[in-house]
Every structure is written in C-alpha cells, then in structure tokens.
C-alpha cells in the first residue's frame, strides 16, 4: 500500500516521520495518517514527499522489490548491482543479516561467504 511504501523509503533514507512532516510543511499527525494508510495525501504532498526522499511519485505505487532499485542513494557496496542482487540483499536485510550501516568488516565477511557459496574466486 502507499503508506507502507512511503514508510519503507523513509526507513531506507533514515528520515523520521517528524522530520518528514517538517520538511513538507504538514503536521506529524498528518504524516502518521498517510504512512499508516488512514489518509490519502494530495498529489502536491506526494510530490513534496518524493522530493525529500529523492524518488519519483510513481515509486510509491510499486511493489517493494520494484522500487528498491529506483532508490537514488544505493549503499556504495551495492552501487551498480543488478536487480537480482538488490533483491537478494533485500531478503538478507529482512532476515537481519544485512543492513546499510553494518560495519565494513562484517560486510566484507558476508560478501566472502556469498562468494564461497557461489564458488566464485576473488
């Protein structure tokens, strides 16, 4: 749903509902209603939210796996990754095995495990 997609993009961009409300000039309550699917925002508000989250309005209406490739600030480790790789890391994130802010050593360890599992040399 629309609110869920906005909420997910907020999480990825690390923007709180209070920050978003302030940046788009509406009350935190209004943003809460939108992200909890209790109120539909105007097109003008959607455009403001999209601008803050650095996505296009149509990204709010796509399934999670589709819009995750549209996010403009991809973690540097995934820069240039294909859609399947992004989906894979999204699944790892859901399992708590990957996060954008994990320490570099842990990320390198995870990548080495994946390479070994895929029988890919360095």
N, C-alpha and C. Protein backbone atom coordinates (compact mmCIF):
# COMPACT_ATOMS: atom_id res chain seq x y z
N UNK A 1 0.84 -1.19 0.00
CA UNK A 1 0.00 0.00 0.00
C UNK A 1 0.88 1.25 0.00
N UNK A 2 0.29 2.34 -0.37
CA UNK A 2 1.00 3.60 -0.49
C UNK A 2 1.77 3.97 0.78
N UNK A 3 1.09 3.96 1.90
CA UNK A 3 1.74 4.33 3.16
C UNK A 3 2.89 3.43 3.53
N UNK A 4 2.75 2.14 3.25
CA UNK A 4 3.82 1.19 3.55
C UNK A 4 5.07 1.48 2.71
N UNK A 5 4.85 1.83 1.44
CA UNK A 5 5.98 2.14 0.57
C UNK A 5 6.67 3.43 1.02
N UNK A 6 5.90 4.42 1.40
CA UNK A 6 6.49 5.67 1.90
C UNK A 6 7.27 5.38 3.18
N UNK A 7 6.68 4.60 4.07
CA UNK A 7 7.34 4.25 5.33
C UNK A 7 8.66 3.51 5.08
N UNK A 8 8.66 2.58 4.13
CA UNK A 8 9.87 1.83 3.81
C UNK A 8 10.95 2.75 3.24
N UNK A 9 10.56 3.65 2.36
CA UNK A 9 11.53 4.60 1.81
C UNK A 9 12.06 5.54 2.89
N UNK A 10 11.21 5.91 3.82
CA UNK A 10 11.66 6.74 4.95
C UNK A 10 12.70 5.98 5.76
N UNK A 11 12.45 4.70 5.98
CA UNK A 11 13.39 3.89 6.74
C UNK A 11 14.73 3.80 6.02
N UNK A 12 14.68 3.54 4.73
CA UNK A 12 15.90 3.41 3.94
C UNK A 12 16.68 4.73 3.92
N UNK A 13 15.96 5.82 3.79
CA UNK A 13 16.60 7.14 3.74
C UNK A 13 16.90 7.71 5.13
N UNK A 14 16.46 6.97 6.15
CA UNK A 14 16.67 7.39 7.55
C UNK A 14 16.05 8.76 7.83
N UNK A 15 14.79 8.90 7.43
CA UNK A 15 14.02 10.12 7.67
C UNK A 15 12.87 9.76 8.60
N UNK A 16 12.79 10.40 9.74
CA UNK A 16 11.70 10.12 10.68
C UNK A 16 10.43 10.81 10.20
N UNK A 17 9.31 10.37 10.75
CA UNK A 17 8.03 10.98 10.36
C UNK A 17 7.98 12.45 10.80
N UNK A 18 8.60 12.74 11.93
CA UNK A 18 8.64 14.13 12.41
C UNK A 18 9.48 15.00 11.46
N UNK A 19 10.62 14.48 11.03
CA UNK A 19 11.47 15.21 10.07
C UNK A 19 10.74 15.42 8.75
N UNK A 20 10.10 14.35 8.27
CA UNK A 20 9.39 14.44 7.00
C UNK A 20 8.27 15.48 7.09
N UNK A 21 7.52 15.44 8.17
CA UNK A 21 6.44 16.40 8.35
C UNK A 21 6.97 17.83 8.30
N UNK A 22 8.07 18.06 8.97
CA UNK A 22 8.67 19.39 8.99
C UNK A 22 9.13 19.81 7.60
N UNK A 23 9.75 18.89 6.87
CA UNK A 23 10.29 19.21 5.54
C UNK A 23 9.21 19.45 4.49
N UNK A 24 8.03 18.86 4.69
CA UNK A 24 6.94 19.05 3.70
C UNK A 24 5.84 19.97 4.22
N UNK A 25 6.07 20.55 5.39
CA UNK A 25 5.16 21.55 5.97
C UNK A 25 3.76 21.04 6.27
N UNK A 26 3.70 19.86 6.89
CA UNK A 26 2.43 19.36 7.42
C UNK A 26 2.68 18.88 8.84
N UNK A 27 1.63 18.57 9.56
CA UNK A 27 1.79 18.13 10.94
C UNK A 27 2.29 16.68 10.99
N UNK A 28 2.99 16.32 12.06
CA UNK A 28 3.41 14.92 12.22
C UNK A 28 2.21 13.97 12.23
N UNK A 29 1.09 14.43 12.75
CA UNK A 29 -0.12 13.61 12.76
C UNK A 29 -0.58 13.30 11.35
N UNK A 30 -0.51 14.30 10.48
CA UNK A 30 -0.92 14.10 9.08
C UNK A 30 -0.02 13.05 8.41
N UNK A 31 1.29 13.17 8.62
CA UNK A 31 2.22 12.17 8.06
C UNK A 31 1.92 10.79 8.62
N UNK A 32 1.64 10.73 9.92
CA UNK A 32 1.31 9.45 10.55
C UNK A 32 0.10 8.81 9.90
N UNK A 33 -0.93 9.61 9.63
CA UNK A 33 -2.11 9.09 8.96
C UNK A 33 -1.78 8.56 7.56
N UNK A 34 -0.91 9.26 6.85
CA UNK A 34 -0.54 8.85 5.49
C UNK A 34 0.24 7.54 5.52
N UNK A 35 1.27 7.46 6.38
CA UNK A 35 2.11 6.25 6.36
C UNK A 35 1.42 5.05 7.00
N UNK A 36 0.35 5.30 7.75
CA UNK A 36 -0.42 4.19 8.32
C UNK A 36 -1.69 3.91 7.51
N UNK A 37 -1.75 4.45 6.30
CA UNK A 37 -2.84 4.20 5.35
C UNK A 37 -4.21 4.60 5.88
N UNK A 38 -4.25 5.66 6.68
CA UNK A 38 -5.53 6.14 7.20
C UNK A 38 -6.02 7.37 6.45
N UNK A 39 -5.13 7.98 5.67
CA UNK A 39 -5.47 9.16 4.89
C UNK A 39 -4.64 9.15 3.62
N UNK A 40 -5.28 9.51 2.50
CA UNK A 40 -4.54 9.61 1.25
C UNK A 40 -4.06 11.04 1.07
N UNK A 41 -2.78 11.21 0.75
CA UNK A 41 -2.24 12.56 0.57
C UNK A 41 -2.63 13.14 -0.79
N UNK A 42 -2.58 14.45 -0.88
CA UNK A 42 -2.81 15.12 -2.17
C UNK A 42 -1.61 14.85 -3.08
N UNK A 43 -1.79 15.07 -4.35
CA UNK A 43 -0.69 14.91 -5.30
C UNK A 43 0.43 15.89 -4.95
N UNK A 44 0.07 17.08 -4.53
CA UNK A 44 1.07 18.08 -4.15
C UNK A 44 1.93 17.57 -2.98
N UNK A 45 1.28 16.97 -1.98
CA UNK A 45 2.02 16.43 -0.85
C UNK A 45 2.88 15.25 -1.27
N UNK A 46 2.35 14.38 -2.12
CA UNK A 46 3.13 13.25 -2.62
C UNK A 46 4.40 13.73 -3.34
N UNK A 47 4.26 14.80 -4.12
CA UNK A 47 5.42 15.34 -4.83
C UNK A 47 6.46 15.88 -3.85
N UNK A 48 6.01 16.53 -2.79
CA UNK A 48 6.93 17.05 -1.77
C UNK A 48 7.65 15.90 -1.05
N UNK A 49 6.88 14.86 -0.71
CA UNK A 49 7.47 13.70 -0.03
C UNK A 49 8.49 13.02 -0.94
N UNK A 50 8.12 12.85 -2.21
CA UNK A 50 9.03 12.23 -3.18
C UNK A 50 10.32 13.04 -3.29
N UNK A 51 10.20 14.34 -3.30
CA UNK A 51 11.38 15.20 -3.40
C UNK A 51 12.30 15.00 -2.19
N UNK A 52 11.72 14.97 -1.00
CA UNK A 52 12.51 14.78 0.22
C UNK A 52 13.19 13.41 0.21
N UNK A 53 12.47 12.38 -0.24
CA UNK A 53 13.01 11.02 -0.22
C UNK A 53 13.83 10.68 -1.47
N UNK A 54 13.93 11.66 -2.38
CA UNK A 54 14.72 11.52 -3.61
C UNK A 54 14.27 10.35 -4.48
N UNK A 55 12.97 10.26 -4.68
CA UNK A 55 12.38 9.26 -5.56
C UNK A 55 11.32 9.95 -6.41
N UNK A 56 10.74 9.23 -7.34
CA UNK A 56 9.63 9.79 -8.11
C UNK A 56 8.32 9.34 -7.46
N UNK A 57 7.27 10.07 -7.72
CA UNK A 57 5.96 9.75 -7.13
C UNK A 57 5.53 8.34 -7.49
N UNK A 58 5.80 7.91 -8.72
CA UNK A 58 5.36 6.56 -9.11
C UNK A 58 6.06 5.47 -8.32
N UNK A 59 7.21 5.76 -7.72
CA UNK A 59 7.89 4.77 -6.88
C UNK A 59 7.05 4.40 -5.65
N UNK A 60 6.18 5.28 -5.21
CA UNK A 60 5.34 4.99 -4.06
C UNK A 60 4.29 3.92 -4.36
N UNK A 61 4.03 3.69 -5.64
CA UNK A 61 2.97 2.76 -6.03
C UNK A 61 3.50 1.44 -6.56
N UNK A 62 4.79 1.23 -6.43
CA UNK A 62 5.40 -0.01 -6.90
C UNK A 62 5.59 -0.96 -5.74
N UNK A 63 5.70 -2.26 -6.09
CA UNK A 63 5.97 -3.25 -5.06
C UNK A 63 7.36 -3.03 -4.53
N UNK A 64 7.60 -3.48 -3.32
CA UNK A 64 8.87 -3.30 -2.64
C UNK A 64 10.06 -3.66 -3.51
N UNK A 65 10.02 -4.84 -4.13
CA UNK A 65 11.17 -5.28 -4.92
C UNK A 65 11.40 -4.40 -6.14
N UNK A 66 10.32 -3.78 -6.64
CA UNK A 66 10.46 -2.93 -7.81
C UNK A 66 11.08 -1.58 -7.46
N UNK A 67 10.58 -0.92 -6.41
CA UNK A 67 11.08 0.42 -6.16
C UNK A 67 12.42 0.41 -5.46
N UNK A 68 12.85 -0.70 -4.89
CA UNK A 68 14.14 -0.73 -4.23
C UNK A 68 15.27 -0.45 -5.20
N UNK A 69 15.08 -0.77 -6.48
CA UNK A 69 16.13 -0.49 -7.47
C UNK A 69 16.09 0.96 -7.92
N UNK A 70 15.03 1.68 -7.59
CA UNK A 70 14.89 3.06 -8.01
C UNK A 70 15.48 4.05 -7.01
N UNK A 71 15.83 3.58 -5.83
CA UNK A 71 16.32 4.48 -4.81
C UNK A 71 17.64 5.08 -5.28
N UNK A 72 17.73 6.39 -5.22
CA UNK A 72 18.88 7.08 -5.79
C UNK A 72 20.14 6.93 -4.96
N UNK A 73 20.04 6.74 -3.68
CA UNK A 73 21.22 6.61 -2.83
C UNK A 73 21.38 5.15 -2.41
N UNK A 74 21.89 4.36 -3.30
CA UNK A 74 22.15 2.95 -3.02
C UNK A 74 23.41 2.86 -2.17
N UNK A 75 23.44 1.98 -1.16
CA UNK A 75 24.68 1.83 -0.40
C UNK A 75 25.84 1.57 -1.36
N UNK A 76 26.99 2.16 -1.09
CA UNK A 76 28.11 2.09 -2.04
C UNK A 76 28.48 0.66 -2.39
N UNK A 77 28.32 -0.26 -1.47
CA UNK A 77 28.67 -1.65 -1.73
C UNK A 77 27.76 -2.26 -2.81
N UNK A 78 26.55 -1.71 -2.96
CA UNK A 78 25.61 -2.24 -3.95
C UNK A 78 25.50 -1.36 -5.19
N UNK A 79 26.30 -0.32 -5.27
CA UNK A 79 26.28 0.58 -6.42
C UNK A 79 26.53 -0.22 -7.69
N UNK A 80 25.65 -0.08 -8.66
CA UNK A 80 25.79 -0.78 -9.93
C UNK A 80 25.31 -2.22 -9.91
N UNK A 81 24.77 -2.66 -8.78
CA UNK A 81 24.29 -4.05 -8.69
C UNK A 81 23.05 -4.23 -9.54
N UNK A 82 22.88 -5.45 -10.05
CA UNK A 82 21.69 -5.71 -10.85
C UNK A 82 20.48 -5.95 -9.93
N UNK A 83 19.31 -6.03 -10.53
CA UNK A 83 18.07 -6.15 -9.77
C UNK A 83 18.04 -7.40 -8.90
N UNK A 84 18.55 -8.53 -9.41
CA UNK A 84 18.55 -9.76 -8.62
C UNK A 84 19.44 -9.64 -7.38
N UNK A 85 20.58 -8.98 -7.54
CA UNK A 85 21.47 -8.77 -6.39
C UNK A 85 20.80 -7.89 -5.35
N UNK A 86 20.12 -6.83 -5.80
CA UNK A 86 19.41 -5.95 -4.86
C UNK A 86 18.30 -6.70 -4.13
N UNK A 87 17.58 -7.56 -4.86
CA UNK A 87 16.54 -8.37 -4.23
C UNK A 87 17.14 -9.31 -3.19
N UNK A 88 18.28 -9.92 -3.53
CA UNK A 88 18.95 -10.84 -2.63
C UNK A 88 19.33 -10.12 -1.32
N UNK A 89 19.94 -8.95 -1.44
CA UNK A 89 20.34 -8.21 -0.25
C UNK A 89 19.11 -7.70 0.53
N UNK A 90 18.03 -7.43 -0.18
CA UNK A 90 16.79 -7.03 0.50
C UNK A 90 16.28 -8.18 1.36
N UNK A 91 16.36 -9.40 0.83
CA UNK A 91 15.95 -10.58 1.61
C UNK A 91 16.87 -10.79 2.81
N UNK A 92 18.18 -10.61 2.60
CA UNK A 92 19.11 -10.71 3.73
C UNK A 92 18.78 -9.68 4.80
N UNK A 93 18.39 -8.49 4.36
CA UNK A 93 18.03 -7.43 5.30
C UNK A 93 16.80 -7.83 6.12
N UNK A 94 15.82 -8.43 5.46
CA UNK A 94 14.61 -8.87 6.16
C UNK A 94 14.93 -9.92 7.22
N UNK A 95 15.96 -10.73 6.94
CA UNK A 95 16.38 -11.77 7.89
C UNK A 95 17.32 -11.23 8.97
N UNK A 96 17.66 -9.97 8.87
CA UNK A 96 18.56 -9.36 9.85
C UNK A 96 20.03 -9.67 9.60
N UNK A 97 20.35 -10.12 8.38
CA UNK A 97 21.73 -10.49 8.06
C UNK A 97 22.48 -9.40 7.31
N UNK A 98 21.79 -8.33 6.95
CA UNK A 98 22.42 -7.23 6.21
C UNK A 98 21.72 -5.94 6.58
N UNK A 99 22.51 -4.89 6.71
CA UNK A 99 21.94 -3.54 6.85
C UNK A 99 22.89 -2.56 6.19
N UNK A 100 22.35 -1.45 5.75
CA UNK A 100 23.15 -0.45 5.05
C UNK A 100 24.26 0.11 5.91
N UNK A 101 24.08 0.10 7.21
CA UNK A 101 25.06 0.73 8.10
C UNK A 101 25.91 -0.28 8.87
N UNK A 102 25.96 -1.53 8.40
CA UNK A 102 26.76 -2.52 9.11
C UNK A 102 28.25 -2.20 8.93
N UNK A 103 29.06 -2.55 9.91
CA UNK A 103 30.50 -2.28 9.82
C UNK A 103 31.12 -2.91 8.58
N UNK A 104 32.13 -2.24 8.04
CA UNK A 104 32.77 -2.69 6.81
C UNK A 104 33.30 -4.12 6.93
N UNK A 105 33.86 -4.46 8.10
CA UNK A 105 34.42 -5.81 8.29
C UNK A 105 33.33 -6.87 8.18
N UNK A 106 32.17 -6.61 8.78
CA UNK A 106 31.06 -7.56 8.70
C UNK A 106 30.56 -7.70 7.27
N UNK A 107 30.51 -6.58 6.57
CA UNK A 107 30.05 -6.60 5.18
C UNK A 107 31.02 -7.40 4.31
N UNK A 108 32.31 -7.19 4.48
CA UNK A 108 33.30 -7.95 3.72
C UNK A 108 33.19 -9.44 4.04
N UNK A 109 32.98 -9.77 5.31
CA UNK A 109 32.81 -11.16 5.72
C UNK A 109 31.59 -11.79 5.02
N UNK A 110 30.49 -11.05 5.01
CA UNK A 110 29.26 -11.53 4.36
C UNK A 110 29.51 -11.76 2.87
N UNK A 111 30.18 -10.83 2.22
CA UNK A 111 30.45 -10.98 0.79
C UNK A 111 31.34 -12.19 0.53
N UNK A 112 32.33 -12.41 1.38
CA UNK A 112 33.20 -13.59 1.21
C UNK A 112 32.42 -14.88 1.37
N UNK A 113 31.50 -14.92 2.32
CA UNK A 113 30.65 -16.11 2.49
C UNK A 113 29.83 -16.36 1.23
N UNK A 114 29.28 -15.30 0.67
CA UNK A 114 28.47 -15.43 -0.55
C UNK A 114 29.33 -15.92 -1.70
N UNK A 115 30.54 -15.38 -1.83
CA UNK A 115 31.45 -15.82 -2.91
C UNK A 115 31.79 -17.30 -2.77
N UNK A 116 32.08 -17.74 -1.55
CA UNK A 116 32.38 -19.15 -1.32
C UNK A 116 31.17 -20.02 -1.66
N UNK A 117 30.00 -19.58 -1.23
CA UNK A 117 28.78 -20.35 -1.52
C UNK A 117 28.51 -20.46 -3.01
N UNK A 118 28.93 -19.43 -3.75
CA UNK A 118 28.71 -19.43 -5.21
C UNK A 118 29.91 -19.97 -5.97
N UNK A 119 30.95 -20.41 -5.22
CA UNK A 119 32.19 -20.91 -5.84
C UNK A 119 32.82 -19.89 -6.77
N UNK A 120 32.82 -18.62 -6.34
CA UNK A 120 33.42 -17.55 -7.14
C UNK A 120 34.73 -17.14 -6.50
N UNK A 121 35.82 -17.15 -7.26
CA UNK A 121 37.09 -16.68 -6.70
C UNK A 121 37.10 -15.17 -6.58
N UNK A 122 38.07 -14.64 -5.80
CA UNK A 122 38.22 -13.19 -5.66
C UNK A 122 38.48 -12.55 -6.95
